[in-house]
Amino acid sequence: PDLVFVAWAGATSGAMWQALSQQGVLDEIPVVTGLGDSATFGA
């Protein structure tokens, strides 16, 4: 894709973002998402 729009909520956010990062999605494709609550800032 030319763009990935991520819509996610809840406790699995950290594992989801880790997978996208490890598989290179964030390096290969522009990603837009909503900034969640403060608990997710470090994810």
PDB file of all heavy atoms in Angstrom:
ATOM      1  N   PRO A   1       0.825  -1.214   0.000  1.00  0.00           N
ATOM      2  CA  PRO A   1       0.000   0.000   0.000  1.00  0.00           C
ATOM      3  C   PRO A   1       0.853   1.257   0.000  1.00  0.00           C
ATOM      4  O   PRO A   1       2.052   1.227   0.319  1.00  0.00           O
ATOM      5  CB  PRO A   1      -0.777  -0.132   1.303  1.00  0.00           C
ATOM      6  CG  PRO A   1       0.142  -0.904   2.201  1.00  0.00           C
ATOM      7  CD  PRO A   1       0.842  -1.883   1.308  1.00  0.00           C
ATOM      8  N   ASP A   2       0.219   2.363  -0.348  1.00  0.00           N
ATOM      9  CA  ASP A   2       0.883   3.662  -0.286  1.00  0.00           C
ATOM     10  C   ASP A   2       0.789   4.269   1.108  1.00  0.00           C
ATOM     11  O   ASP A   2       1.567   5.159   1.464  1.00  0.00           O
ATOM     12  CB  ASP A   2       0.255   4.626  -1.292  1.00  0.00           C
ATOM     13  CG  ASP A   2       0.409   4.133  -2.723  1.00  0.00           C
ATOM     14  OD1 ASP A   2       1.558   4.088  -3.202  1.00  0.00           O
ATOM     15  OD2 ASP A   2      -0.617   3.781  -3.342  1.00  0.00           O
ATOM     16  N   LEU A   3      -0.178   3.796   1.871  1.00  0.00           N
ATOM     17  CA  LEU A   3      -0.389   4.326   3.206  1.00  0.00           C
ATOM     18  C   LEU A   3      -1.064   3.251   4.055  1.00  0.00           C
ATOM     19  O   LEU A   3      -1.913   2.501   3.567  1.00  0.00           O
ATOM     20  CB  LEU A   3      -1.296   5.567   3.168  1.00  0.00           C
ATOM     21  CG  LEU A   3      -1.636   6.202   4.519  1.00  0.00           C
ATOM     22  CD1 LEU A   3      -0.453   7.016   5.029  1.00  0.00           C
ATOM     23  CD2 LEU A   3      -2.873   7.090   4.415  1.00  0.00           C
ATOM     24  N   VAL A   4      -0.675   3.176   5.322  1.00  0.00           N
ATOM     25  CA  VAL A   4      -1.349   2.299   6.280  1.00  0.00           C
ATOM     26  C   VAL A   4      -2.030   3.171   7.330  1.00  0.00           C
ATOM     27  O   VAL A   4      -1.387   4.019   7.960  1.00  0.00           O
ATOM     28  CB  VAL A   4      -0.367   1.337   6.971  1.00  0.00           C
ATOM     29  CG1 VAL A   4      -1.097   0.460   7.989  1.00  0.00           C
ATOM     30  CG2 VAL A   4       0.347   0.470   5.947  1.00  0.00           C
ATOM     31  N   PHE A   5      -3.329   2.969   7.488  1.00  0.00           N
ATOM     32  CA  PHE A   5      -4.073   3.644   8.540  1.00  0.00           C
ATOM     33  C   PHE A   5      -4.346   2.611   9.625  1.00  0.00           C
ATOM     34  O   PHE A   5      -5.016   1.608   9.384  1.00  0.00           O
ATOM     35  CB  PHE A   5      -5.389   4.217   8.002  1.00  0.00           C
ATOM     36  CG  PHE A   5      -6.214   4.920   9.055  1.00  0.00           C
ATOM     37  CD1 PHE A   5      -6.015   6.256   9.336  1.00  0.00           C
ATOM     38  CD2 PHE A   5      -7.188   4.235   9.770  1.00  0.00           C
ATOM     39  CE1 PHE A   5      -6.763   6.901  10.297  1.00  0.00           C
ATOM     40  CE2 PHE A   5      -7.942   4.861  10.741  1.00  0.00           C
ATOM     41  CZ  PHE A   5      -7.733   6.210  11.005  1.00  0.00           C
ATOM     42  N   VAL A   6      -3.823   2.839  10.822  1.00  0.00           N
ATOM     43  CA  VAL A   6      -3.967   1.891  11.921  1.00  0.00           C
ATOM     44  C   VAL A   6      -5.017   2.394  12.898  1.00  0.00           C
ATOM     45  O   VAL A   6      -4.945   3.535  13.375  1.00  0.00           O
ATOM     46  CB  VAL A   6      -2.626   1.676  12.657  1.00  0.00           C
ATOM     47  CG1 VAL A   6      -2.809   0.712  13.827  1.00  0.00           C
ATOM     48  CG2 VAL A   6      -1.567   1.150  11.698  1.00  0.00           C
ATOM     49  N   ALA A   7      -6.016   1.557  13.187  1.00  0.00           N
ATOM     50  CA  ALA A   7      -7.054   1.867  14.168  1.00  0.00           C
ATOM     51  C   ALA A   7      -7.049   0.762  15.214  1.00  0.00           C
ATOM     52  O   ALA A   7      -7.468  -0.360  14.935  1.00  0.00           O
ATOM     53  CB  ALA A   7      -8.417   1.967  13.485  1.00  0.00           C
ATOM     54  N   TRP A   8      -6.557   1.071  16.411  1.00  0.00           N
ATOM     55  CA  TRP A   8      -6.350   0.031  17.412  1.00  0.00           C
ATOM     56  C   TRP A   8      -6.679   0.570  18.789  1.00  0.00           C
ATOM     57  O   TRP A   8      -6.473   1.756  19.074  1.00  0.00           O
ATOM     58  CB  TRP A   8      -4.891  -0.418  17.395  1.00  0.00           C
ATOM     59  CG  TRP A   8      -4.703  -1.859  17.794  1.00  0.00           C
ATOM     60  CD1 TRP A   8      -4.534  -2.357  19.060  1.00  0.00           C
ATOM     61  CD2 TRP A   8      -4.677  -2.984  16.910  1.00  0.00           C
ATOM     62  NE1 TRP A   8      -4.408  -3.718  19.011  1.00  0.00           N
ATOM     63  CE2 TRP A   8      -4.492  -4.136  17.703  1.00  0.00           C
ATOM     64  CE3 TRP A   8      -4.791  -3.129  15.541  1.00  0.00           C
ATOM     65  CZ2 TRP A   8      -4.409  -5.416  17.172  1.00  0.00           C
ATOM     66  CZ3 TRP A   8      -4.726  -4.395  14.991  1.00  0.00           C
ATOM     67  CH2 TRP A   8      -4.521  -5.524  15.802  1.00  0.00           C
ATOM     68  N   ALA A   9      -7.176  -0.291  19.665  1.00  0.00           N
ATOM     69  CA  ALA A   9      -7.468   0.107  21.038  1.00  0.00           C
ATOM     70  C   ALA A   9      -7.213  -1.064  21.967  1.00  0.00           C
ATOM     71  O   ALA A   9      -7.370  -2.222  21.586  1.00  0.00           O
ATOM     72  CB  ALA A   9      -8.928   0.561  21.166  1.00  0.00           C
ATOM     73  N   GLY A  10      -6.784  -0.759  23.192  1.00  0.00           N
ATOM     74  CA  GLY A  10      -6.666  -1.808  24.191  1.00  0.00           C
ATOM     75  C   GLY A  10      -5.258  -2.267  24.493  1.00  0.00           C
ATOM     76  O   GLY A  10      -4.264  -1.698  24.024  1.00  0.00           O
ATOM     77  N   ALA A  11      -5.170  -3.347  25.265  1.00  0.00           N
ATOM     78  CA  ALA A  11      -3.918  -3.779  25.875  1.00  0.00           C
ATOM     79  C   ALA A  11      -2.928  -4.398  24.897  1.00  0.00           C
ATOM     80  O   ALA A  11      -1.748  -4.543  25.222  1.00  0.00           O
ATOM     81  CB  ALA A  11      -4.219  -4.778  26.991  1.00  0.00           C
ATOM     82  N   THR A  12      -3.361  -4.769  23.696  1.00  0.00           N
ATOM     83  CA  THR A  12      -2.448  -5.419  22.749  1.00  0.00           C
ATOM     84  C   THR A  12      -1.724  -4.414  21.851  1.00  0.00           C
ATOM     85  O   THR A  12      -0.988  -4.819  20.948  1.00  0.00           O
ATOM     86  CB  THR A  12      -3.211  -6.419  21.855  1.00  0.00           C
ATOM     87  OG1 THR A  12      -4.251  -5.727  21.141  1.00  0.00           O
ATOM     88  CG2 THR A  12      -3.827  -7.528  22.690  1.00  0.00           C
ATOM     89  N   SER A  13      -1.916  -3.124  22.103  1.00  0.00           N
ATOM     90  CA  SER A  13      -1.306  -2.107  21.233  1.00  0.00           C
ATOM     91  C   SER A  13       0.205  -2.248  21.147  1.00  0.00           C
ATOM     92  O   SER A  13       0.796  -2.166  20.058  1.00  0.00           O
ATOM     93  CB  SER A  13      -1.664  -0.701  21.742  1.00  0.00           C
ATOM     94  OG  SER A  13      -3.037  -0.455  21.641  1.00  0.00           O
ATOM     95  N   GLY A  14       0.873  -2.464  22.296  1.00  0.00           N
ATOM     96  CA  GLY A  14       2.327  -2.551  22.297  1.00  0.00           C
ATOM     97  C   GLY A  14       2.843  -3.691  21.444  1.00  0.00           C
ATOM     98  O   GLY A  14       3.769  -3.516  20.644  1.00  0.00           O
ATOM     99  N   ALA A  15       2.245  -4.869  21.578  1.00  0.00           N
ATOM    100  CA  ALA A  15       2.678  -6.027  20.793  1.00  0.00           C
ATOM    101  C   ALA A  15       2.420  -5.813  19.312  1.00  0.00           C
ATOM    102  O   ALA A  15       3.220  -6.235  18.459  1.00  0.00           O
ATOM    103  CB  ALA A  15       1.940  -7.277  21.283  1.00  0.00           C
ATOM    104  N   MET A  16       1.307  -5.155  18.996  1.00  0.00           N
ATOM    105  CA  MET A  16       0.991  -4.897  17.591  1.00  0.00           C
ATOM    106  C   MET A  16       2.044  -3.979  16.960  1.00  0.00           C
ATOM    107  O   MET A  16       2.571  -4.263  15.877  1.00  0.00           O
ATOM    108  CB  MET A  16      -0.404  -4.274  17.490  1.00  0.00           C
ATOM    109  CG  MET A  16      -0.840  -3.931  16.071  1.00  0.00           C
ATOM    110  SD  MET A  16      -0.288  -2.283  15.503  1.00  0.00           S
ATOM    111  CE  MET A  16      -1.212  -1.224  16.613  1.00  0.00           C
ATOM    112  N   TRP A  17       2.377  -2.877  17.653  1.00  0.00           N
ATOM    113  CA  TRP A  17       3.357  -1.942  17.087  1.00  0.00           C
ATOM    114  C   TRP A  17       4.749  -2.565  16.998  1.00  0.00           C
ATOM    115  O   TRP A  17       5.506  -2.301  16.062  1.00  0.00           O
ATOM    116  CB  TRP A  17       3.396  -0.659  17.920  1.00  0.00           C
ATOM    117  CG  TRP A  17       2.220   0.223  17.666  1.00  0.00           C
ATOM    118  CD1 TRP A  17       1.187   0.496  18.507  1.00  0.00           C
ATOM    119  CD2 TRP A  17       1.938   0.937  16.461  1.00  0.00           C
ATOM    120  NE1 TRP A  17       0.281   1.324  17.894  1.00  0.00           N
ATOM    121  CE2 TRP A  17       0.715   1.613  16.643  1.00  0.00           C
ATOM    122  CE3 TRP A  17       2.594   1.063  15.233  1.00  0.00           C
ATOM    123  CZ2 TRP A  17       0.149   2.412  15.649  1.00  0.00           C
ATOM    124  CZ3 TRP A  17       2.035   1.849  14.253  1.00  0.00           C
ATOM    125  CH2 TRP A  17       0.831   2.514  14.462  1.00  0.00           C
ATOM    126  N   GLN A  18       5.074  -3.405  17.950  1.00  0.00           N
ATOM    127  CA  GLN A  18       6.367  -4.089  17.908  1.00  0.00           C
ATOM    128  C   GLN A  18       6.460  -4.968  16.664  1.00  0.00           C
ATOM    129  O   GLN A  18       7.502  -5.003  15.984  1.00  0.00           O
ATOM    130  CB  GLN A  18       6.552  -4.931  19.173  1.00  0.00           C
ATOM    131  CG  GLN A  18       7.928  -5.607  19.251  1.00  0.00           C
ATOM    132  CD  GLN A  18       8.098  -6.386  20.537  1.00  0.00           C
ATOM    133  OE1 GLN A  18       7.117  -6.884  21.108  1.00  0.00           O
ATOM    134  NE2 GLN A  18       9.318  -6.497  21.015  1.00  0.00           N
ATOM    135  N   ALA A  19       5.379  -5.653  16.359  1.00  0.00           N
ATOM    136  CA  ALA A  19       5.379  -6.514  15.168  1.00  0.00           C
ATOM    137  C   ALA A  19       5.530  -5.687  13.897  1.00  0.00           C
ATOM    138  O   ALA A  19       6.295  -6.059  12.989  1.00  0.00           O
ATOM    139  CB  ALA A  19       4.092  -7.331  15.125  1.00  0.00           C
ATOM    140  N   LEU A  20       4.822  -4.566  13.803  1.00  0.00           N
ATOM    141  CA  LEU A  20       4.949  -3.721  12.608  1.00  0.00           C
ATOM    142  C   LEU A  20       6.376  -3.197  12.462  1.00  0.00           C
ATOM    143  O   LEU A  20       6.918  -3.133  11.349  1.00  0.00           O
ATOM    144  CB  LEU A  20       3.972  -2.550  12.675  1.00  0.00           C
ATOM    145  CG  LEU A  20       2.468  -2.845  12.596  1.00  0.00           C
ATOM    146  CD1 LEU A  20       1.679  -1.541  12.433  1.00  0.00           C
ATOM    147  CD2 LEU A  20       2.137  -3.797  11.457  1.00  0.00           C
ATOM    148  N   SER A  21       6.977  -2.837  13.578  1.00  0.00           N
ATOM    149  CA  SER A  21       8.342  -2.317  13.532  1.00  0.00           C
ATOM    150  C   SER A  21       9.333  -3.415  13.154  1.00  0.00           C
ATOM    151  O   SER A  21      10.185  -3.225  12.273  1.00  0.00           O
ATOM    152  CB  SER A  21       8.708  -1.725  14.895  1.00  0.00           C
ATOM    153  OG  SER A  21      10.026  -1.228  14.894  1.00  0.00           O
ATOM    154  N   GLN A  22       9.223  -4.573  13.782  1.00  0.00           N
ATOM    155  CA  GLN A  22      10.170  -5.660  13.532  1.00  0.00           C
ATOM    156  C   GLN A  22      10.076  -6.175  12.101  1.00  0.00           C
ATOM    157  O   GLN A  22      11.088  -6.594  11.525  1.00  0.00           O
ATOM    158  CB  GLN A  22       9.918  -6.801  14.520  1.00  0.00           C
ATOM    159  CG  GLN A  22      10.313  -6.478  15.945  1.00  0.00           C
ATOM    160  CD  GLN A  22      10.002  -7.607  16.905  1.00  0.00           C
ATOM    161  OE1 GLN A  22       9.238  -8.520  16.595  1.00  0.00           O
ATOM    162  NE2 GLN A  22      10.588  -7.556  18.100  1.00  0.00           N
ATOM    163  N   GLN A  23       8.902  -6.147  11.520  1.00  0.00           N
ATOM    164  CA  GLN A  23       8.724  -6.637  10.146  1.00  0.00           C
ATOM    165  C   GLN A  23       9.006  -5.571   9.097  1.00  0.00           C
ATOM    166  O   GLN A  23       8.906  -5.832   7.901  1.00  0.00           O
ATOM    167  CB  GLN A  23       7.299  -7.173   9.978  1.00  0.00           C
ATOM    168  CG  GLN A  23       6.990  -8.373  10.852  1.00  0.00           C
ATOM    169  CD  GLN A  23       7.937  -9.532  10.605  1.00  0.00           C
ATOM    170  OE1 GLN A  23       8.159  -9.935   9.466  1.00  0.00           O
ATOM    171  NE2 GLN A  23       8.521 -10.063  11.676  1.00  0.00           N
ATOM    172  N   GLY A  24       9.362  -4.364   9.526  1.00  0.00           N
ATOM    173  CA  GLY A  24       9.780  -3.324   8.594  1.00  0.00           C
ATOM    174  C   GLY A  24       8.655  -2.490   7.997  1.00  0.00           C
ATOM    175  O   GLY A  24       8.899  -1.682   7.090  1.00  0.00           O
ATOM    176  N   VAL A  25       7.418  -2.649   8.496  1.00  0.00           N
ATOM    177  CA  VAL A  25       6.305  -1.885   7.931  1.00  0.00           C
ATOM    178  C   VAL A  25       6.530  -0.390   8.097  1.00  0.00           C
ATOM    179  O   VAL A  25       6.309   0.397   7.164  1.00  0.00           O
ATOM    180  CB  VAL A  25       4.971  -2.299   8.601  1.00  0.00           C
ATOM    181  CG1 VAL A  25       3.829  -1.401   8.126  1.00  0.00           C
ATOM    182  CG2 VAL A  25       4.653  -3.761   8.301  1.00  0.00           C
ATOM    183  N   LEU A  26       7.023   0.020   9.266  1.00  0.00           N
ATOM    184  CA  LEU A  26       7.208   1.445   9.537  1.00  0.00           C
ATOM    185  C   LEU A  26       8.343   2.048   8.717  1.00  0.00           C
ATOM    186  O   LEU A  26       8.389   3.267   8.522  1.00  0.00           O
ATOM    187  CB  LEU A  26       7.464   1.662  11.028  1.00  0.00           C
ATOM    188  CG  LEU A  26       6.357   1.178  11.965  1.00  0.00           C
ATOM    189  CD1 LEU A  26       6.749   1.400  13.418  1.00  0.00           C
ATOM    190  CD2 LEU A  26       5.054   1.883  11.662  1.00  0.00           C
ATOM    191  N   ASP A  27       9.249   1.213   8.246  1.00  0.00           N
ATOM    192  CA  ASP A  27      10.344   1.707   7.411  1.00  0.00           C
ATOM    193  C   ASP A  27       9.955   1.774   5.940  1.00  0.00           C
ATOM    194  O   ASP A  27      10.461   2.612   5.183  1.00  0.00           O
ATOM    195  CB  ASP A  27      11.578   0.799   7.562  1.00  0.00           C
ATOM    196  CG  ASP A  27      12.170   0.854   8.956  1.00  0.00           C
ATOM    197  OD1 ASP A  27      12.266   1.958   9.508  1.00  0.00           O
ATOM    198  OD2 ASP A  27      12.522  -0.220   9.489  1.00  0.00           O
ATOM    199  N   GLU A  28       9.038   0.896   5.539  1.00  0.00           N
ATOM    200  CA  GLU A  28       8.712   0.764   4.127  1.00  0.00           C
ATOM    201  C   GLU A  28       7.515   1.604   3.684  1.00  0.00           C
ATOM    202  O   GLU A  28       7.442   2.013   2.521  1.00  0.00           O
ATOM    203  CB  GLU A  28       8.419  -0.709   3.808  1.00  0.00           C
ATOM    204  CG  GLU A  28       9.587  -1.652   4.028  1.00  0.00           C
ATOM    205  CD  GLU A  28      10.727  -1.382   3.061  1.00  0.00           C
ATOM    206  OE1 GLU A  28      10.451  -0.942   1.923  1.00  0.00           O
ATOM    207  OE2 GLU A  28      11.894  -1.603   3.449  1.00  0.00           O
ATOM    208  N   ILE A  29       6.578   1.860   4.599  1.00  0.00           N
ATOM    209  CA  ILE A  29       5.295   2.456   4.216  1.00  0.00           C
ATOM    210  C   ILE A  29       4.930   3.572   5.184  1.00  0.00           C
ATOM    211  O   ILE A  29       5.089   3.414   6.398  1.00  0.00           O
ATOM    212  CB  ILE A  29       4.177   1.381   4.244  1.00  0.00           C
ATOM    213  CG1 ILE A  29       4.582   0.157   3.417  1.00  0.00           C
ATOM    214  CG2 ILE A  29       2.852   1.954   3.728  1.00  0.00           C
ATOM    215  CD1 ILE A  29       3.712  -1.061   3.687  1.00  0.00           C
ATOM    216  N   PRO A  30       4.423   4.705   4.698  1.00  0.00           N
ATOM    217  CA  PRO A  30       3.934   5.748   5.607  1.00  0.00           C
ATOM    218  C   PRO A  30       2.770   5.217   6.446  1.00  0.00           C
ATOM    219  O   PRO A  30       1.869   4.555   5.927  1.00  0.00           O
ATOM    220  CB  PRO A  30       3.459   6.857   4.662  1.00  0.00           C
ATOM    221  CG  PRO A  30       4.189   6.608   3.381  1.00  0.00           C
ATOM    222  CD  PRO A  30       4.352   5.130   3.278  1.00  0.00           C
ATOM    223  N   VAL A  31       2.810   5.506   7.740  1.00  0.00           N
ATOM    224  CA  VAL A  31       1.786   5.015   8.667  1.00  0.00           C
ATOM    225  C   VAL A  31       1.159   6.197   9.405  1.00  0.00           C
ATOM    226  O   VAL A  31       1.866   7.056   9.938  1.00  0.00           O
ATOM    227  CB  VAL A  31       2.382   4.024   9.680  1.00  0.00           C
ATOM    228  CG1 VAL A  31       1.343   3.628  10.727  1.00  0.00           C
ATOM    229  CG2 VAL A  31       2.908   2.780   8.966  1.00  0.00           C
ATOM    230  N   VAL A  32      -0.168   6.220   9.417  1.00  0.00           N
ATOM    231  CA  VAL A  32      -0.925   7.223  10.160  1.00  0.00           C
ATOM    232  C   VAL A  32      -1.784   6.494  11.175  1.00  0.00           C
ATOM    233  O   VAL A  32      -2.413   5.475  10.864  1.00  0.00           O
ATOM    234  CB  VAL A  32      -1.831   8.063   9.233  1.00  0.00           C
ATOM    235  CG1 VAL A  32      -2.676   9.036  10.045  1.00  0.00           C
ATOM    236  CG2 VAL A  32      -1.003   8.806   8.199  1.00  0.00           C
ATOM    237  N   THR A  33      -1.819   7.000  12.388  1.00  0.00           N
ATOM    238  CA  THR A  33      -2.673   6.385  13.406  1.00  0.00           C
ATOM    239  C   THR A  33      -3.097   7.426  14.412  1.00  0.00           C
ATOM    240  O   THR A  33      -2.562   8.538  14.468  1.00  0.00           O
ATOM    241  CB  THR A  33      -1.944   5.234  14.121  1.00  0.00           C
ATOM    242  OG1 THR A  33      -2.892   4.474  14.875  1.00  0.00           O
ATOM    243  CG2 THR A  33      -0.854   5.754  15.043  1.00  0.00           C
ATOM    244  N   GLY A  34      -4.065   7.050  15.215  1.00  0.00           N
ATOM    245  CA  GLY A  34      -4.493   7.931  16.294  1.00  0.00           C
ATOM    246  C   GLY A  34      -3.582   7.772  17.491  1.00  0.00           C
ATOM    247  O   GLY A  34      -3.205   6.651  17.855  1.00  0.00           O
ATOM    248  N   LEU A  35      -3.210   8.886  18.100  1.00  0.00           N
ATOM    249  CA  LEU A  35      -2.412   8.818  19.322  1.00  0.00           C
ATOM    250  C   LEU A  35      -3.330   8.437  20.471  1.00  0.00           C
ATOM    251  O   LEU A  35      -4.309   9.120  20.760  1.00  0.00           O
ATOM    252  CB  LEU A  35      -1.751  10.174  19.602  1.00  0.00           C
ATOM    253  CG  LEU A  35      -0.838  10.211  20.828  1.00  0.00           C
ATOM    254  CD1 LEU A  35       0.364   9.283  20.629  1.00  0.00           C
ATOM    255  CD2 LEU A  35      -0.361  11.629  21.113  1.00  0.00           C
ATOM    256  N   GLY A  36      -3.018   7.315  21.112  1.00  0.00           N
ATOM    257  CA  GLY A  36      -3.857   6.800  22.174  1.00  0.00           C
ATOM    258  C   GLY A  36      -3.625   7.508  23.496  1.00  0.00           C
ATOM    259  O   GLY A  36      -3.115   8.637  23.548  1.00  0.00           O
ATOM    260  N   ASP A  37      -3.996   6.852  24.586  1.00  0.00           N
ATOM    261  CA  ASP A  37      -3.810   7.450  25.904  1.00  0.00           C
ATOM    262  C   ASP A  37      -2.349   7.361  26.314  1.00  0.00           C
ATOM    263  O   ASP A  37      -1.518   6.756  25.634  1.00  0.00           O
ATOM    264  CB  ASP A  37      -4.738   6.805  26.922  1.00  0.00           C
ATOM    265  CG  ASP A  37      -4.495   5.314  27.097  1.00  0.00           C
ATOM    266  OD1 ASP A  37      -3.746   4.729  26.289  1.00  0.00           O
ATOM    267  OD2 ASP A  37      -5.053   4.743  28.041  1.00  0.00           O
ATOM    268  N   SER A  38      -2.025   7.994  27.438  1.00  0.00           N
ATOM    269  CA  SER A  38      -0.622   8.119  27.846  1.00  0.00           C
ATOM    270  C   SER A  38       0.052   6.774  28.076  1.00  0.00           C
ATOM    271  O   SER A  38       1.274   6.668  27.952  1.00  0.00           O
ATOM    272  CB  SER A  38      -0.526   8.975  29.102  1.00  0.00           C
ATOM    273  OG  SER A  38      -1.294   8.415  30.160  1.00  0.00           O
ATOM    274  N   ALA A  39      -0.730   5.746  28.377  1.00  0.00           N
ATOM    275  CA  ALA A  39      -0.149   4.421  28.594  1.00  0.00           C
ATOM    276  C   ALA A  39       0.493   3.859  27.339  1.00  0.00           C
ATOM    277  O   ALA A  39       1.334   2.963  27.414  1.00  0.00           O
ATOM    278  CB  ALA A  39      -1.219   3.462  29.108  1.00  0.00           C
ATOM    279  N   THR A  40       0.108   4.372  26.177  1.00  0.00           N
ATOM    280  CA  THR A  40       0.639   3.849  24.913  1.00  0.00           C
ATOM    281  C   THR A  40       1.815   4.657  24.373  1.00  0.00           C
ATOM    282  O   THR A  40       2.414   4.258  23.386  1.00  0.00           O
ATOM    283  CB  THR A  40      -0.459   3.840  23.834  1.00  0.00           C
ATOM    284  OG1 THR A  40      -0.795   5.191  23.464  1.00  0.00           O
ATOM    285  CG2 THR A  40      -1.700   3.119  24.314  1.00  0.00           C
ATOM    286  N   PHE A  41       2.158   5.777  25.005  1.00  0.00           N
ATOM    287  CA  PHE A  41       3.186   6.643  24.433  1.00  0.00           C
ATOM    288  C   PHE A  41       4.524   5.932  24.275  1.00  0.00           C
ATOM    289  O   PHE A  41       5.280   6.203  23.342  1.00  0.00           O
ATOM    290  CB  PHE A  41       3.388   7.899  25.291  1.00  0.00           C
ATOM    291  CG  PHE A  41       2.216   8.844  25.291  1.00  0.00           C
ATOM    292  CD1 PHE A  41       2.179   9.910  26.181  1.00  0.00           C
ATOM    293  CD2 PHE A  41       1.160   8.685  24.418  1.00  0.00           C
ATOM    294  CE1 PHE A  41       1.110  10.786  26.187  1.00  0.00           C
ATOM    295  CE2 PHE A  41       0.080   9.548  24.424  1.00  0.00           C
ATOM    296  CZ  PHE A  41       0.058  10.605  25.320  1.00  0.00           C
ATOM    297  N   GLY A  42       4.827   5.034  25.184  1.00  0.00           N
ATOM    298  CA  GLY A  42       6.100   4.326  25.108  1.00  0.00           C
ATOM    299  C   GLY A  42       6.057   3.107  24.217  1.00  0.00           C
ATOM    300  O   GLY A  42       7.098   2.485  23.974  1.00  0.00           O
ATOM    301  N   ALA A  43       4.876   2.775  23.698  1.00  0.00           N
ATOM    302  CA  ALA A  43       4.741   1.536  22.929  1.00  0.00           C
ATOM    303  C   ALA A  43       5.408   1.609  21.568  1.00  0.00           C
ATOM    304  O   ALA A  43       5.767   0.583  20.994  1.00  0.00           O
ATOM    305  CB  ALA A  43       3.261   1.192  22.754  1.00  0.00           C
TER     306      ALA A  43
END
